[in-house]
Structures are given as C-alpha cells and as structure tokens.
Amino acid sequence: MTTARDEAGSIGDAAFVLALREKGLRDIAVLRAMERVPRGTFAPAAHREQARWDIALPLPCGATMTAPSSVAAMLTRLKLEPGQRVMEIGAGSGYVTALLDRLGAGAVLSLERYRTLAEDAAARLADLPGVHVVQADALAPALPDGGFDRILVNGCVEAVPEHWLAALEPGGRLVTGLTVDGHCRLAAVAADGTPDIGPPIRLAALVPGLARVL
C-alpha cells in the first residue's frame, strides 16, 4: 500500500532529477540512478532535509558530499558500461559508490583515507555484494596493479598519478578533478594519459596519507 509519505518522497525525487535536467544534465541512466538511490540515506541526520538540494553537504572527518550536479557530471563523463570493474577514490558517505552499483558496475573497489568514513560507508553498502570499501591512501603507489575499466576520483589533483593510469585496462577511462591554471576542471583521462578537459567543477583537493586518528 502506497502511503502519503511514499508519494511525497517520489514527488521529491522526481523534482530532484528535474532540477538536474534543468542544469543541462541529460544522461538518462545517470538521472534514473540518482532518482532511485536516495541521497538522504547517505547524508548525516542533521542535513537530510537538504539532501535534495544541489549543494555539498558536510560529513564527519571534515569531508563533504559532493553536490549532486557535480556527481551527475562526473558519472556522465565516466561512461560506465554494465559489468565493468570500477575503482573509486574517496568513498565518503558511500553515495556515489551506490550510484556506480546502480549503474551496473560489475564490481566497485572504493578507497577512503578516513577509517571512520570507510567503516560507515561499508556498513551502508553491506547489501551490495559487488561493492568493497577499504581504508587506503589512493595517492600512494601501493594500489592494485590493474584490471579496472573505470576509475572515478571524488576529488581534485594537480596531476594524474602514473599508478592510477597503470591500474586501468587498455581502453579504460579515468574521471577526476584536475587543476588547470589554478582552477579545478572536470577531466576524463584515457589509459595512455591523454586528458579531455571539461568545465570547472567544485571538488576538494585530495589529501595524501591515511588519517591517523579518524
């Protein structure tokens, strides 16, 4: 039986997606995934009422949930195909990880430098068998040697590390924020390191190292 609360939620989800479409985001698969994966489930309780707003939200450990329009733009440029293996850098709340799973990723390995965030995200995603969240420093060279069709970086870097490219399969694709002339731009990078620089995007700079306390 559908309740008034369910109907209100569905209407809110539809309005959320419509707002993204009005900002020029047109990838139907991405928009459908964002409609079906409620952002509020991954937002801190104090900010759930703002989960459908197109704003970044604060997370524990000083991290943030990226604004939905930026997430949609990144996922659109990722061009994920069903069954592909993905490495995600910066699990955060696990929201983008869940979207990758909804988009049909065959497996998602998500790396997070904060133990607290990694454990919380893993708990939220525990019912997704293809998802694995671990605490790791993605800027350190000790990453899996390869086998990833896609890499999604939830942050901005000055340059794409060589070990990220080495982790891509031939023909693979990496999407990240890339500093260009002092500004963060959305970039899709081929396995050979060739970047396709896109529009400005608001992403936090990636920080090296594992968090020692949090």
N, C-alpha and C. Protein backbone atom coordinates (compact mmCIF):
# COMPACT_ATOMS: atom_id res chain seq x y z
N MET A 1 0.84 -1.20 0.00
CA MET A 1 0.00 0.00 0.00
C MET A 1 0.88 1.25 0.00
N THR A 2 0.61 2.16 -0.92
CA THR A 2 1.39 3.39 -1.01
C THR A 2 0.86 4.41 -0.02
N THR A 3 1.74 4.97 0.78
CA THR A 3 1.36 5.96 1.77
C THR A 3 1.60 7.36 1.24
N ALA A 4 1.01 8.35 1.95
CA ALA A 4 1.23 9.74 1.56
C ALA A 4 2.70 10.10 1.66
N ARG A 5 3.39 9.51 2.62
CA ARG A 5 4.82 9.78 2.77
C ARG A 5 5.61 9.23 1.59
N ASP A 6 5.22 8.02 1.12
CA ASP A 6 5.88 7.44 -0.05
C ASP A 6 5.67 8.31 -1.28
N GLU A 7 4.42 8.78 -1.45
CA GLU A 7 4.11 9.62 -2.60
C GLU A 7 4.89 10.93 -2.54
N ALA A 8 4.99 11.52 -1.34
CA ALA A 8 5.75 12.76 -1.20
C ALA A 8 7.21 12.54 -1.53
N GLY A 9 7.74 11.37 -1.11
CA GLY A 9 9.13 11.05 -1.41
C GLY A 9 9.36 10.90 -2.89
N SER A 10 8.41 10.23 -3.58
CA SER A 10 8.54 10.04 -5.02
C SER A 10 8.49 11.37 -5.75
N ILE A 11 7.59 12.24 -5.31
CA ILE A 11 7.48 13.56 -5.92
C ILE A 11 8.78 14.35 -5.70
N GLY A 12 9.31 14.25 -4.49
CA GLY A 12 10.57 14.94 -4.20
C GLY A 12 11.71 14.42 -5.02
N ASP A 13 11.76 13.09 -5.23
CA ASP A 13 12.83 12.50 -6.05
C ASP A 13 12.70 12.96 -7.50
N ALA A 14 11.47 13.01 -8.00
CA ALA A 14 11.25 13.45 -9.38
C ALA A 14 11.66 14.92 -9.54
N ALA A 15 11.33 15.74 -8.56
CA ALA A 15 11.70 17.16 -8.63
C ALA A 15 13.21 17.32 -8.56
N PHE A 16 13.86 16.48 -7.78
CA PHE A 16 15.32 16.49 -7.66
C PHE A 16 15.96 16.24 -9.02
N VAL A 17 15.46 15.23 -9.73
CA VAL A 17 16.00 14.89 -11.04
C VAL A 17 15.67 15.98 -12.07
N LEU A 18 14.47 16.52 -11.99
CA LEU A 18 14.08 17.59 -12.91
C LEU A 18 15.00 18.80 -12.75
N ALA A 19 15.36 19.11 -11.52
CA ALA A 19 16.26 20.24 -11.27
C ALA A 19 17.63 19.99 -11.91
N LEU A 20 18.09 18.75 -11.89
CA LEU A 20 19.36 18.41 -12.53
C LEU A 20 19.25 18.54 -14.04
N ARG A 21 18.12 18.11 -14.59
CA ARG A 21 17.91 18.24 -16.04
C ARG A 21 17.92 19.71 -16.46
N GLU A 22 17.36 20.54 -15.64
CA GLU A 22 17.32 21.97 -15.96
C GLU A 22 18.71 22.59 -15.96
N LYS A 23 19.67 21.91 -15.34
CA LYS A 23 21.05 22.40 -15.35
C LYS A 23 21.85 21.82 -16.51
N GLY A 24 21.15 21.15 -17.43
CA GLY A 24 21.80 20.65 -18.63
C GLY A 24 22.29 19.22 -18.54
N LEU A 25 21.97 18.51 -17.46
CA LEU A 25 22.40 17.13 -17.30
C LEU A 25 21.36 16.21 -17.94
N ARG A 26 21.78 15.44 -18.92
CA ARG A 26 20.81 14.73 -19.76
C ARG A 26 21.01 13.22 -19.82
N ASP A 27 22.03 12.68 -19.18
CA ASP A 27 22.28 11.24 -19.25
C ASP A 27 21.15 10.51 -18.51
N ILE A 28 20.31 9.80 -19.26
CA ILE A 28 19.12 9.18 -18.67
C ILE A 28 19.48 8.14 -17.62
N ALA A 29 20.50 7.33 -17.89
CA ALA A 29 20.89 6.28 -16.94
C ALA A 29 21.36 6.89 -15.63
N VAL A 30 22.15 7.95 -15.72
CA VAL A 30 22.65 8.62 -14.52
C VAL A 30 21.50 9.24 -13.74
N LEU A 31 20.62 9.94 -14.43
CA LEU A 31 19.49 10.58 -13.75
C LEU A 31 18.57 9.55 -13.12
N ARG A 32 18.35 8.44 -13.80
CA ARG A 32 17.50 7.39 -13.23
C ARG A 32 18.13 6.80 -11.98
N ALA A 33 19.45 6.60 -12.02
CA ALA A 33 20.13 6.07 -10.83
C ALA A 33 20.03 7.05 -9.67
N MET A 34 20.15 8.34 -9.96
CA MET A 34 20.09 9.34 -8.90
C MET A 34 18.67 9.49 -8.35
N GLU A 35 17.69 9.16 -9.16
CA GLU A 35 16.31 9.16 -8.67
C GLU A 35 16.06 7.97 -7.74
N ARG A 36 16.70 6.84 -8.04
CA ARG A 36 16.42 5.61 -7.31
C ARG A 36 17.32 5.39 -6.10
N VAL A 37 18.42 6.10 -6.03
CA VAL A 37 19.31 5.99 -4.86
C VAL A 37 19.13 7.26 -4.03
N PRO A 38 18.39 7.21 -2.94
CA PRO A 38 18.11 8.44 -2.18
C PRO A 38 19.35 8.99 -1.48
N ARG A 39 19.70 10.21 -1.84
CA ARG A 39 20.88 10.85 -1.25
C ARG A 39 20.73 11.01 0.26
N GLY A 40 19.48 11.22 0.70
CA GLY A 40 19.27 11.42 2.12
C GLY A 40 19.68 10.24 2.98
N THR A 41 19.63 9.03 2.41
CA THR A 41 20.06 7.85 3.15
C THR A 41 21.52 7.92 3.54
N PHE A 42 22.30 8.65 2.75
CA PHE A 42 23.75 8.72 2.96
C PHE A 42 24.18 10.01 3.65
N ALA A 43 23.26 10.94 3.79
CA ALA A 43 23.59 12.23 4.42
C ALA A 43 23.52 12.13 5.94
N PRO A 44 24.32 12.90 6.65
CA PRO A 44 24.20 12.95 8.11
C PRO A 44 22.79 13.38 8.50
N ALA A 45 22.31 12.86 9.62
CA ALA A 45 20.93 13.11 10.04
C ALA A 45 20.59 14.60 10.07
N ALA A 46 21.54 15.41 10.52
CA ALA A 46 21.28 16.85 10.65
C ALA A 46 21.09 17.55 9.31
N HIS A 47 21.45 16.87 8.22
CA HIS A 47 21.39 17.53 6.90
C HIS A 47 20.50 16.78 5.92
N ARG A 48 19.72 15.82 6.39
CA ARG A 48 18.89 15.03 5.47
C ARG A 48 17.83 15.87 4.78
N GLU A 49 17.34 16.89 5.43
CA GLU A 49 16.33 17.74 4.81
C GLU A 49 16.91 18.50 3.61
N GLN A 50 18.23 18.63 3.56
CA GLN A 50 18.88 19.35 2.46
C GLN A 50 19.42 18.41 1.38
N ALA A 51 19.14 17.11 1.53
CA ALA A 51 19.77 16.13 0.64
C ALA A 51 19.36 16.29 -0.81
N ARG A 52 18.17 16.83 -1.06
CA ARG A 52 17.71 17.01 -2.45
C ARG A 52 18.11 18.37 -3.00
N TRP A 53 18.81 19.16 -2.21
CA TRP A 53 19.31 20.44 -2.71
C TRP A 53 20.61 20.19 -3.47
N ASP A 54 20.89 21.04 -4.45
CA ASP A 54 22.12 20.88 -5.22
C ASP A 54 23.27 21.61 -4.53
N ILE A 55 23.63 21.10 -3.37
CA ILE A 55 24.72 21.66 -2.59
C ILE A 55 25.57 20.54 -2.01
N ALA A 56 26.83 20.85 -1.72
CA ALA A 56 27.67 19.92 -0.98
C ALA A 56 27.20 19.88 0.47
N LEU A 57 27.31 18.72 1.10
CA LEU A 57 26.90 18.57 2.49
C LEU A 57 28.08 18.10 3.33
N PRO A 58 28.19 18.57 4.57
CA PRO A 58 29.31 18.17 5.41
C PRO A 58 29.18 16.73 5.90
N LEU A 59 30.32 16.06 5.96
CA LEU A 59 30.43 14.72 6.51
C LEU A 59 31.37 14.75 7.70
N PRO A 60 31.39 13.70 8.51
CA PRO A 60 32.40 13.61 9.56
C PRO A 60 33.81 13.68 8.98
N CYS A 61 34.77 13.95 9.83
CA CYS A 61 36.20 13.99 9.47
C CYS A 61 36.54 15.18 8.58
N GLY A 62 35.64 16.15 8.47
CA GLY A 62 35.91 17.31 7.63
C GLY A 62 35.70 17.05 6.16
N ALA A 63 35.14 15.89 5.80
CA ALA A 63 34.87 15.57 4.40
C ALA A 63 33.53 16.17 3.98
N THR A 64 33.21 16.07 2.70
CA THR A 64 31.94 16.58 2.19
C THR A 64 31.33 15.61 1.19
N MET A 65 30.00 15.66 1.08
CA MET A 65 29.29 15.01 -0.02
C MET A 65 29.26 16.00 -1.17
N THR A 66 29.76 15.60 -2.31
CA THR A 66 29.79 16.48 -3.48
C THR A 66 28.37 16.84 -3.92
N ALA A 67 28.19 18.05 -4.42
CA ALA A 67 26.88 18.49 -4.90
C ALA A 67 26.37 17.55 -6.00
N PRO A 68 25.06 17.27 -6.01
CA PRO A 68 24.51 16.32 -6.98
C PRO A 68 24.81 16.64 -8.44
N SER A 69 24.78 17.92 -8.83
CA SER A 69 25.06 18.25 -10.23
C SER A 69 26.49 17.88 -10.60
N SER A 70 27.42 18.03 -9.66
CA SER A 70 28.81 17.65 -9.92
C SER A 70 28.93 16.13 -10.02
N VAL A 71 28.22 15.43 -9.15
CA VAL A 71 28.23 13.96 -9.20
C VAL A 71 27.68 13.48 -10.55
N ALA A 72 26.57 14.08 -10.98
CA ALA A 72 25.97 13.69 -12.25
C ALA A 72 26.92 13.96 -13.41
N ALA A 73 27.61 15.08 -13.38
CA ALA A 73 28.55 15.41 -14.45
C ALA A 73 29.71 14.42 -14.49
N MET A 74 30.20 14.02 -13.32
CA MET A 74 31.30 13.07 -13.26
C MET A 74 30.87 11.70 -13.78
N LEU A 75 29.70 11.25 -13.35
CA LEU A 75 29.22 9.94 -13.79
C LEU A 75 28.92 9.93 -15.28
N THR A 76 28.43 11.04 -15.80
CA THR A 76 28.17 11.13 -17.23
C THR A 76 29.46 10.98 -18.02
N ARG A 77 30.51 11.65 -17.59
CA ARG A 77 31.79 11.59 -18.31
C ARG A 77 32.50 10.24 -18.11
N LEU A 78 32.12 9.53 -17.04
CA LEU A 78 32.74 8.22 -16.80
C LEU A 78 32.34 7.22 -17.88
N LYS A 79 31.13 7.34 -18.41
CA LYS A 79 30.62 6.45 -19.46
C LYS A 79 30.73 4.98 -19.05
N LEU A 80 30.23 4.71 -17.87
CA LEU A 80 30.28 3.35 -17.34
C LEU A 80 29.38 2.42 -18.13
N GLU A 81 29.90 1.25 -18.47
CA GLU A 81 29.11 0.23 -19.16
C GLU A 81 28.84 -0.92 -18.20
N PRO A 82 27.69 -1.59 -18.34
CA PRO A 82 27.35 -2.69 -17.43
C PRO A 82 28.43 -3.74 -17.35
N GLY A 83 28.70 -4.18 -16.13
CA GLY A 83 29.68 -5.24 -15.90
C GLY A 83 31.11 -4.76 -15.74
N GLN A 84 31.39 -3.49 -15.97
CA GLN A 84 32.76 -3.00 -15.86
C GLN A 84 33.21 -2.90 -14.41
N ARG A 85 34.51 -3.11 -14.22
CA ARG A 85 35.10 -3.04 -12.88
C ARG A 85 35.59 -1.62 -12.62
N VAL A 86 35.22 -1.08 -11.47
CA VAL A 86 35.48 0.32 -11.15
C VAL A 86 36.30 0.43 -9.87
N MET A 87 37.28 1.32 -9.89
CA MET A 87 37.94 1.75 -8.66
C MET A 87 37.48 3.17 -8.38
N GLU A 88 36.96 3.38 -7.20
CA GLU A 88 36.53 4.71 -6.77
C GLU A 88 37.51 5.23 -5.73
N ILE A 89 37.91 6.46 -5.88
CA ILE A 89 38.84 7.08 -4.94
C ILE A 89 38.09 8.15 -4.16
N GLY A 90 37.94 7.91 -2.86
CA GLY A 90 37.18 8.79 -2.00
C GLY A 90 35.76 8.29 -1.81
N ALA A 91 35.58 7.31 -0.93
CA ALA A 91 34.25 6.72 -0.73
C ALA A 91 33.29 7.71 -0.08
N GLY A 92 33.80 8.53 0.83
CA GLY A 92 32.93 9.47 1.53
C GLY A 92 31.80 8.75 2.25
N SER A 93 30.58 9.15 1.98
CA SER A 93 29.42 8.55 2.61
C SER A 93 29.02 7.22 1.98
N GLY A 94 29.54 6.95 0.77
CA GLY A 94 29.13 5.76 0.02
C GLY A 94 28.05 6.04 -1.00
N TYR A 95 27.60 7.29 -1.10
CA TYR A 95 26.52 7.63 -2.03
C TYR A 95 26.92 7.39 -3.49
N VAL A 96 28.06 7.91 -3.89
CA VAL A 96 28.48 7.73 -5.29
C VAL A 96 28.78 6.26 -5.56
N THR A 97 29.29 5.55 -4.56
CA THR A 97 29.54 4.11 -4.69
C THR A 97 28.24 3.38 -5.01
N ALA A 98 27.18 3.74 -4.29
CA ALA A 98 25.88 3.13 -4.54
C ALA A 98 25.36 3.46 -5.94
N LEU A 99 25.63 4.67 -6.41
CA LEU A 99 25.23 5.04 -7.77
C LEU A 99 25.97 4.21 -8.81
N LEU A 100 27.26 3.98 -8.58
CA LEU A 100 28.04 3.16 -9.50
C LEU A 100 27.46 1.75 -9.58
N ASP A 101 27.08 1.21 -8.43
CA ASP A 101 26.46 -0.11 -8.41
C ASP A 101 25.13 -0.08 -9.16
N ARG A 102 24.32 0.93 -8.93
CA ARG A 102 23.02 1.04 -9.60
C ARG A 102 23.18 1.17 -11.11
N LEU A 103 24.28 1.81 -11.54
CA LEU A 103 24.54 1.98 -12.97
C LEU A 103 25.03 0.70 -13.64
N GLY A 104 25.23 -0.36 -12.84
CA GLY A 104 25.55 -1.65 -13.43
C GLY A 104 27.00 -2.08 -13.34
N ALA A 105 27.80 -1.40 -12.52
CA ALA A 105 29.20 -1.82 -12.37
C ALA A 105 29.26 -3.29 -11.94
N GLY A 106 30.18 -4.04 -12.54
CA GLY A 106 30.33 -5.43 -12.16
C GLY A 106 30.93 -5.58 -10.78
N ALA A 107 31.81 -4.65 -10.43
CA ALA A 107 32.44 -4.64 -9.10
C ALA A 107 32.95 -3.23 -8.86
N VAL A 108 32.90 -2.80 -7.61
CA VAL A 108 33.41 -1.48 -7.24
C VAL A 108 34.33 -1.64 -6.04
N LEU A 109 35.57 -1.23 -6.20
CA LEU A 109 36.51 -1.14 -5.08
C LEU A 109 36.62 0.33 -4.74
N SER A 110 36.18 0.71 -3.54
CA SER A 110 36.17 2.11 -3.14
C SER A 110 37.19 2.33 -2.03
N LEU A 111 38.06 3.32 -2.24
CA LEU A 111 39.14 3.61 -1.30
C LEU A 111 38.82 4.89 -0.54
N GLU A 112 39.07 4.87 0.76
CA GLU A 112 38.80 6.03 1.61
C GLU A 112 39.90 6.17 2.65
N ARG A 113 40.48 7.37 2.79
CA ARG A 113 41.61 7.58 3.70
C ARG A 113 41.18 7.65 5.16
N TYR A 114 39.91 7.95 5.43
CA TYR A 114 39.42 8.02 6.81
C TYR A 114 38.78 6.70 7.21
N ARG A 115 39.30 6.11 8.29
CA ARG A 115 38.74 4.83 8.76
C ARG A 115 37.27 4.96 9.12
N THR A 116 36.90 6.05 9.79
CA THR A 116 35.51 6.24 10.20
C THR A 116 34.58 6.24 9.00
N LEU A 117 34.93 7.00 7.98
CA LEU A 117 34.10 7.06 6.79
C LEU A 117 34.06 5.72 6.07
N ALA A 118 35.21 5.05 5.97
CA ALA A 118 35.27 3.75 5.29
C ALA A 118 34.37 2.74 5.98
N GLU A 119 34.41 2.70 7.30
CA GLU A 119 33.60 1.73 8.04
C GLU A 119 32.11 2.06 7.91
N ASP A 120 31.77 3.35 8.00
CA ASP A 120 30.37 3.73 7.89
C ASP A 120 29.82 3.44 6.49
N ALA A 121 30.62 3.76 5.47
CA ALA A 121 30.18 3.51 4.09
C ALA A 121 30.02 2.01 3.85
N ALA A 122 30.97 1.22 4.35
CA ALA A 122 30.89 -0.23 4.17
C ALA A 122 29.62 -0.78 4.81
N ALA A 123 29.25 -0.25 5.97
CA ALA A 123 28.04 -0.71 6.65
C ALA A 123 26.79 -0.35 5.83
N ARG A 124 26.77 0.85 5.27
CA ARG A 124 25.61 1.27 4.49
C ARG A 124 25.46 0.44 3.21
N LEU A 125 26.58 -0.03 2.68
CA LEU A 125 26.59 -0.72 1.40
C LEU A 125 26.70 -2.24 1.55
N ALA A 126 26.51 -2.71 2.75
CA ALA A 126 26.75 -4.13 3.05
C ALA A 126 25.88 -5.08 2.23
N ASP A 127 24.71 -4.60 1.76
CA ASP A 127 23.83 -5.48 1.00
C ASP A 127 24.12 -5.47 -0.50
N LEU A 128 25.20 -4.80 -0.90
CA LEU A 128 25.61 -4.78 -2.31
C LEU A 128 26.83 -5.68 -2.46
N PRO A 129 26.65 -6.90 -2.95
CA PRO A 129 27.76 -7.87 -2.98
C PRO A 129 28.93 -7.47 -3.87
N GLY A 130 28.68 -6.62 -4.85
CA GLY A 130 29.77 -6.24 -5.75
C GLY A 130 30.60 -5.07 -5.28
N VAL A 131 30.28 -4.55 -4.09
CA VAL A 131 30.96 -3.36 -3.58
C VAL A 131 31.88 -3.71 -2.42
N HIS A 132 33.09 -3.17 -2.45
CA HIS A 132 34.06 -3.41 -1.38
C HIS A 132 34.69 -2.06 -1.03
N VAL A 133 34.54 -1.63 0.22
CA VAL A 133 35.08 -0.36 0.69
C VAL A 133 36.23 -0.63 1.66
N VAL A 134 37.38 0.00 1.42
CA VAL A 134 38.53 -0.22 2.29
C VAL A 134 39.19 1.12 2.61
N GLN A 135 39.87 1.17 3.75
CA GLN A 135 40.68 2.33 4.06
C GLN A 135 42.01 2.19 3.32
N ALA A 136 42.35 3.20 2.55
CA ALA A 136 43.59 3.16 1.78
C ALA A 136 43.96 4.57 1.33
N ASP A 137 45.24 4.77 1.09
CA ASP A 137 45.74 6.03 0.57
C ASP A 137 45.88 5.88 -0.94
N ALA A 138 44.94 6.45 -1.68
CA ALA A 138 44.93 6.30 -3.14
C ALA A 138 46.09 7.01 -3.82
N LEU A 139 46.73 7.96 -3.12
CA LEU A 139 47.85 8.67 -3.71
C LEU A 139 49.17 7.92 -3.52
N ALA A 140 49.15 6.85 -2.73
CA ALA A 140 50.34 6.02 -2.56
C ALA A 140 50.40 5.00 -3.70
N PRO A 141 51.60 4.63 -4.14
CA PRO A 141 51.71 3.71 -5.29
C PRO A 141 51.19 2.31 -5.03
N ALA A 142 51.02 1.92 -3.76
CA ALA A 142 50.63 0.54 -3.45
C ALA A 142 49.13 0.32 -3.68
N LEU A 143 48.74 0.32 -4.95
CA LEU A 143 47.36 0.06 -5.32
C LEU A 143 47.32 -1.23 -6.14
N PRO A 144 46.11 -1.79 -6.34
CA PRO A 144 46.02 -2.96 -7.22
C PRO A 144 46.69 -2.68 -8.57
N ASP A 145 47.36 -3.68 -9.12
CA ASP A 145 48.15 -3.48 -10.32
C ASP A 145 47.34 -3.14 -11.56
N GLY A 146 46.13 -3.59 -11.63
CA GLY A 146 45.36 -3.31 -12.83
C GLY A 146 44.01 -3.99 -12.79
N GLY A 147 43.38 -4.03 -13.96
CA GLY A 147 42.11 -4.72 -14.07
C GLY A 147 40.90 -3.83 -13.96
N PHE A 148 41.09 -2.50 -13.88
CA PHE A 148 39.94 -1.61 -13.76
C PHE A 148 39.60 -1.00 -15.12
N ASP A 149 38.32 -1.07 -15.45
CA ASP A 149 37.85 -0.45 -16.69
C ASP A 149 37.61 1.04 -16.51
N ARG A 150 37.25 1.42 -15.29
CA ARG A 150 36.97 2.81 -14.98
C ARG A 150 37.54 3.16 -13.60
N ILE A 151 38.00 4.39 -13.47
CA ILE A 151 38.41 4.94 -12.17
C ILE A 151 37.70 6.27 -12.00
N LEU A 152 37.04 6.43 -10.87
CA LEU A 152 36.35 7.67 -10.56
C LEU A 152 36.99 8.29 -9.33
N VAL A 153 37.43 9.52 -9.46
CA VAL A 153 38.13 10.21 -8.37
C VAL A 153 37.23 11.32 -7.83
N ASN A 154 36.82 11.17 -6.59
CA ASN A 154 35.96 12.18 -5.96
C ASN A 154 36.83 13.25 -5.30
N GLY A 155 37.57 13.96 -6.11
CA GLY A 155 38.47 14.99 -5.61
C GLY A 155 39.26 15.59 -6.74
N CYS A 156 40.09 16.57 -6.40
CA CYS A 156 40.88 17.28 -7.39
C CYS A 156 42.37 17.05 -7.15
N VAL A 157 43.12 16.85 -8.22
CA VAL A 157 44.57 16.63 -8.12
C VAL A 157 45.30 17.57 -9.07
N GLU A 158 46.57 17.81 -8.74
CA GLU A 158 47.40 18.66 -9.61
C GLU A 158 47.78 17.93 -10.89
N ALA A 159 47.96 16.62 -10.80
CA ALA A 159 48.32 15.80 -11.94
C ALA A 159 47.84 14.38 -11.67
N VAL A 160 47.60 13.64 -12.72
CA VAL A 160 47.13 12.26 -12.57
C VAL A 160 48.32 11.35 -12.27
N PRO A 161 48.35 10.68 -11.12
CA PRO A 161 49.48 9.81 -10.79
C PRO A 161 49.62 8.66 -11.79
N GLU A 162 50.85 8.30 -12.07
CA GLU A 162 51.10 7.22 -13.03
C GLU A 162 50.50 5.90 -12.57
N HIS A 163 50.48 5.67 -11.25
CA HIS A 163 49.96 4.37 -10.79
C HIS A 163 48.44 4.27 -10.95
N TRP A 164 47.76 5.39 -11.07
CA TRP A 164 46.34 5.33 -11.41
C TRP A 164 46.18 4.84 -12.85
N LEU A 165 46.96 5.40 -13.75
CA LEU A 165 46.88 5.00 -15.15
C LEU A 165 47.27 3.53 -15.32
N ALA A 166 48.26 3.10 -14.52
CA ALA A 166 48.70 1.70 -14.60
C ALA A 166 47.61 0.75 -14.14
N ALA A 167 46.68 1.23 -13.33
CA ALA A 167 45.60 0.38 -12.84
C ALA A 167 44.46 0.25 -13.84
N LEU A 168 44.51 1.04 -14.93
CA LEU A 168 43.47 0.98 -15.95
C LEU A 168 43.76 -0.10 -16.99
N GLU A 169 42.71 -0.75 -17.40
CA GLU A 169 42.80 -1.66 -18.53
C GLU A 169 42.99 -0.86 -19.82
N PRO A 170 43.57 -1.44 -20.86
CA PRO A 170 43.64 -0.75 -22.15
C PRO A 170 42.23 -0.33 -22.59
N GLY A 171 42.12 0.90 -23.03
CA GLY A 171 40.81 1.41 -23.41
C GLY A 171 40.00 1.91 -22.23
N GLY A 172 40.60 1.88 -21.03
CA GLY A 172 39.90 2.33 -19.83
C GLY A 172 39.78 3.84 -19.77
N ARG A 173 39.10 4.29 -18.73
CA ARG A 173 38.79 5.72 -18.62
C ARG A 173 38.81 6.13 -17.16
N LEU A 174 39.42 7.28 -16.90
CA LEU A 174 39.52 7.82 -15.55
C LEU A 174 38.89 9.21 -15.54
N VAL A 175 38.05 9.48 -14.55
CA VAL A 175 37.44 10.79 -14.41
C VAL A 175 37.85 11.38 -13.06
N THR A 176 38.32 12.62 -13.11
CA THR A 176 38.83 13.27 -11.90
C THR A 176 38.68 14.78 -12.01
N GLY A 177 38.82 15.44 -10.90
CA GLY A 177 39.03 16.88 -10.93
C GLY A 177 40.52 17.12 -11.15
N LEU A 178 40.87 18.01 -12.06
CA LEU A 178 42.26 18.27 -12.41
C LEU A 178 42.52 19.77 -12.36
N THR A 179 43.56 20.16 -11.64
CA THR A 179 43.89 21.58 -11.53
C THR A 179 44.50 22.07 -12.84
N VAL A 180 43.86 23.06 -13.45
CA VAL A 180 44.34 23.65 -14.70
C VAL A 180 44.33 25.17 -14.50
N ASP A 181 45.52 25.77 -14.61
CA ASP A 181 45.65 27.23 -14.43
C ASP A 181 45.04 27.69 -13.10
N GLY A 182 45.28 26.88 -12.08
CA GLY A 182 44.84 27.25 -10.74
C GLY A 182 43.39 26.96 -10.41
N HIS A 183 42.66 26.34 -11.36
CA HIS A 183 41.24 26.05 -11.12
C HIS A 183 40.98 24.56 -11.35
N CYS A 184 40.04 24.01 -10.56
CA CYS A 184 39.69 22.60 -10.71
C CYS A 184 38.75 22.45 -11.90
N ARG A 185 39.13 21.57 -12.84
CA ARG A 185 38.30 21.29 -14.02
C ARG A 185 37.99 19.80 -14.05
N LEU A 186 36.83 19.46 -14.56
CA LEU A 186 36.46 18.07 -14.72
C LEU A 186 37.20 17.50 -15.92
N ALA A 187 37.90 16.39 -15.71
CA ALA A 187 38.71 15.81 -16.79
C ALA A 187 38.44 14.32 -16.93
N ALA A 188 38.31 13.88 -18.16
CA ALA A 188 38.26 12.46 -18.48
C ALA A 188 39.61 12.11 -19.10
N VAL A 189 40.26 11.11 -18.54
CA VAL A 189 41.63 10.78 -18.94
C VAL A 189 41.67 9.37 -19.49
N ALA A 190 42.25 9.22 -20.69
CA ALA A 190 42.40 7.91 -21.31
C ALA A 190 43.51 7.13 -20.62
N ALA A 191 43.57 5.82 -20.89
CA ALA A 191 44.57 4.97 -20.25
C ALA A 191 45.99 5.37 -20.61
N ASP A 192 46.17 6.05 -21.74
CA ASP A 192 47.51 6.50 -22.13
C ASP A 192 47.86 7.85 -21.51
N GLY A 193 46.96 8.39 -20.69
CA GLY A 193 47.23 9.65 -20.00
C GLY A 193 46.72 10.88 -20.71
N THR A 194 46.09 10.71 -21.87
CA THR A 194 45.57 11.86 -22.61
C THR A 194 44.32 12.41 -21.93
N PRO A 195 44.35 13.69 -21.51
CA PRO A 195 43.18 14.24 -20.82
C PRO A 195 42.23 14.96 -21.77
N ASP A 196 40.96 14.86 -21.47
CA ASP A 196 39.93 15.64 -22.14
C ASP A 196 39.38 16.59 -21.08
N ILE A 197 39.81 17.85 -21.14
CA ILE A 197 39.49 18.81 -20.08
C ILE A 197 38.08 19.38 -20.30
N GLY A 198 37.28 19.30 -19.25
CA GLY A 198 35.91 19.78 -19.31
C GLY A 198 35.72 21.05 -18.51
N PRO A 199 34.52 21.29 -18.05
CA PRO A 199 34.18 22.55 -17.37
C PRO A 199 34.71 22.59 -15.94
N PRO A 200 34.69 23.77 -15.34
CA PRO A 200 35.05 23.88 -13.92
C PRO A 200 34.13 23.03 -13.06
N ILE A 201 34.68 22.53 -11.97
CA ILE A 201 33.89 21.72 -11.04
C ILE A 201 34.41 21.98 -9.63
N ARG A 202 33.51 21.95 -8.67
CA ARG A 202 33.90 22.20 -7.27
C ARG A 202 34.13 20.87 -6.57
N LEU A 203 35.40 20.51 -6.42
CA LEU A 203 35.80 19.29 -5.72
C LEU A 203 36.93 19.64 -4.77
N ALA A 204 36.94 18.99 -3.62
CA ALA A 204 38.02 19.21 -2.66
C ALA A 204 39.30 18.57 -3.16
N ALA A 205 40.43 19.19 -2.81
CA ALA A 205 41.73 18.62 -3.18
C ALA A 205 41.95 17.31 -2.41
N LEU A 206 42.47 16.30 -3.10
CA LEU A 206 42.79 15.05 -2.43
C LEU A 206 43.97 15.26 -1.49
N VAL A 207 43.91 14.62 -0.34
CA VAL A 207 44.97 14.73 0.67
C VAL A 207 45.70 13.40 0.75
N PRO A 208 47.03 13.39 0.69
CA PRO A 208 47.76 12.13 0.77
C PRO A 208 47.81 11.57 2.18
N GLY A 209 48.04 10.27 2.26
CA GLY A 209 48.22 9.61 3.56
C GLY A 209 46.92 9.11 4.17
N LEU A 210 47.05 8.14 5.07
CA LEU A 210 45.91 7.67 5.84
C LEU A 210 45.68 8.59 7.01
N ALA A 211 44.42 8.81 7.35
CA ALA A 211 44.13 9.60 8.55
C ALA A 211 44.61 8.82 9.78
N ARG A 212 45.36 9.46 10.65
CA ARG A 212 45.96 8.77 11.78
C ARG A 212 44.97 8.49 12.92
N VAL A 213 43.96 9.33 13.05
CA VAL A 213 43.04 9.21 14.18
C VAL A 213 41.64 8.85 13.73
N LEU A 214 41.08 9.64 12.81
CA LEU A 214 39.67 9.48 12.44
C LEU A 214 39.46 8.31 11.48
